[in-house]
Amino acid sequence: MARVLVIGLDPVRIPGYDPEPVVAAIARGRRRFDELGVPADMCLVAPDDEPEAAIVAALAGGEYACVVIGGGIRKDEPLVELFERVVNLVRRHAPNAAIAFNSTPDDMADAALRWL
């Protein structure tokens, strides 16, 4: 089956934020990929820690049929520039991959399935 890359914010690396609920949701989302038999890689970044380099490295690490961009990057107004950079990095480094958007970490597999 086609491989998926999920790009999102690393909840553990966001200062002043309780990461546990998001960490648990990410784990549930990963299990859903496993249940579906869909190979998925995660690229979790911190906005102020050179996320572009980590994203490019992840995109270069495999042939992806779909890239899911998480809501933490997409929905937070101060991160709109990061969101734009992520979309353009996917276009440049994985031009054949579909781009999908999830609502929560729990539905990242469902977002990918819409395009696989």
Protein backbone atom coordinates (compact mmCIF):
# COMPACT_ATOMS: atom_id res chain seq x y z
CA MET A 1 0.00 0.00 0.00
CA ALA A 2 1.03 3.61 -0.55
CA ARG A 3 3.10 5.33 2.13
CA VAL A 4 1.92 8.43 4.04
CA LEU A 5 3.88 11.21 5.74
CA VAL A 6 2.23 13.19 8.52
CA ILE A 7 3.72 16.62 9.24
CA GLY A 8 2.65 18.28 12.47
CA LEU A 9 3.69 20.18 15.54
CA ASP A 10 5.50 18.26 18.24
CA PRO A 11 3.31 18.88 21.28
CA VAL A 12 6.16 18.04 23.66
CA ARG A 13 8.27 20.88 22.27
CA ILE A 14 5.70 23.66 22.62
CA PRO A 15 6.45 25.69 25.77
CA GLY A 16 3.66 26.36 28.23
CA TYR A 17 1.41 23.70 26.74
CA ASP A 18 0.11 20.44 28.25
CA PRO A 19 1.16 17.94 25.59
CA GLU A 20 -0.42 14.79 27.04
CA PRO A 21 -3.86 14.97 25.33
CA VAL A 22 -2.26 15.57 21.93
CA VAL A 23 0.42 12.92 22.49
CA ALA A 24 -2.36 10.43 23.28
CA ALA A 25 -4.34 11.48 20.18
CA ILE A 26 -1.26 11.12 17.97
CA ALA A 27 -0.74 7.61 19.35
CA ARG A 28 -4.37 6.74 18.53
CA GLY A 29 -3.92 8.16 15.03
CA ARG A 30 -0.79 6.07 14.48
CA ARG A 31 -2.61 2.95 15.65
CA ARG A 32 -5.35 3.67 13.10
CA PHE A 33 -2.75 3.64 10.31
CA ASP A 34 -1.48 0.30 11.66
CA GLU A 35 -5.02 -1.13 11.81
CA LEU A 36 -5.58 -0.10 8.20
CA GLY A 37 -2.23 -1.53 7.10
CA VAL A 38 -1.14 1.87 5.79
CA PRO A 39 2.56 2.58 6.32
CA ALA A 40 2.94 6.06 7.80
CA ASP A 41 5.87 8.15 8.93
CA MET A 42 5.64 11.08 11.33
CA CYS A 43 7.52 14.37 11.10
CA LEU A 44 6.80 16.38 14.23
CA VAL A 45 8.46 19.79 14.39
CA ALA A 46 8.74 22.83 16.63
CA PRO A 47 7.98 26.11 14.83
CA ASP A 48 11.08 27.90 16.12
CA ASP A 49 13.58 25.07 15.60
CA GLU A 50 14.31 25.08 11.84
CA PRO A 51 11.28 22.98 10.92
CA GLU A 52 12.00 23.26 7.19
CA ALA A 53 15.18 21.17 7.46
CA ALA A 54 13.36 18.40 9.31
CA ILE A 55 10.49 18.47 6.82
CA VAL A 56 12.79 18.31 3.78
CA ALA A 57 14.67 15.39 5.38
CA ALA A 58 11.40 13.56 6.03
CA LEU A 59 10.14 14.17 2.48
CA ALA A 60 13.44 12.88 1.09
CA GLY A 61 13.18 9.78 3.27
CA GLY A 62 10.57 8.00 1.21
CA GLU A 63 8.21 7.96 -1.72
CA TYR A 64 4.92 9.29 -0.37
CA ALA A 65 1.53 8.97 -2.01
CA CYS A 66 0.01 11.42 0.46
CA VAL A 67 1.26 14.03 2.92
CA VAL A 68 -1.08 14.99 5.77
CA ILE A 69 -0.48 18.46 7.20
CA GLY A 70 -1.75 18.67 10.76
CA GLY A 71 -4.15 21.20 12.18
CA GLY A 72 -1.62 22.60 14.64
CA ILE A 73 0.33 24.02 11.71
CA ARG A 74 -2.73 24.94 9.67
CA LYS A 75 -5.13 26.42 12.18
CA ASP A 76 -2.91 28.66 14.31
CA GLU A 77 -2.91 32.15 12.77
CA PRO A 78 0.65 33.02 13.92
CA LEU A 79 1.85 29.92 12.02
CA VAL A 80 0.31 30.83 8.65
CA GLU A 81 3.77 31.48 7.18
CA LEU A 82 4.98 28.08 8.39
CA PHE A 83 1.89 26.50 6.84
CA GLU A 84 2.68 28.17 3.50
CA ARG A 85 6.30 26.97 3.69
CA VAL A 86 5.18 23.41 4.48
CA VAL A 87 2.79 23.31 1.50
CA ASN A 88 5.49 24.61 -0.82
CA LEU A 89 8.08 22.16 0.54
CA VAL A 90 5.68 19.29 -0.16
CA ARG A 91 5.06 20.60 -3.68
CA ARG A 92 8.80 20.86 -4.30
CA HIS A 93 10.06 17.68 -2.63
CA ALA A 94 7.09 15.33 -3.14
CA PRO A 95 5.42 16.67 -6.28
CA ASN A 96 3.45 13.47 -6.90
CA ALA A 97 2.02 13.26 -3.39
CA ALA A 98 -1.52 14.30 -2.63
CA ILE A 99 -1.86 16.81 0.20
CA ALA A 100 -4.46 16.12 2.87
CA PHE A 101 -5.59 17.94 6.00
CA ASN A 102 -6.82 16.34 9.18
CA SER A 103 -9.09 17.85 11.83
CA THR A 104 -7.45 16.15 14.81
CA PRO A 105 -4.57 13.72 15.32
CA ASP A 106 -7.19 10.99 15.67
CA ASP A 107 -8.37 11.36 12.05
CA MET A 108 -5.04 11.69 10.23
CA ALA A 109 -5.44 8.21 8.70
CA ASP A 110 -8.93 9.10 7.45
CA ALA A 111 -7.56 12.29 5.88
CA ALA A 112 -4.92 10.25 4.04
CA LEU A 113 -7.44 7.63 2.92
CA ARG A 114 -9.42 10.28 1.06
CA TRP A 115 -6.47 10.52 -1.35
CA LEU A 116 -4.98 7.02 -1.38
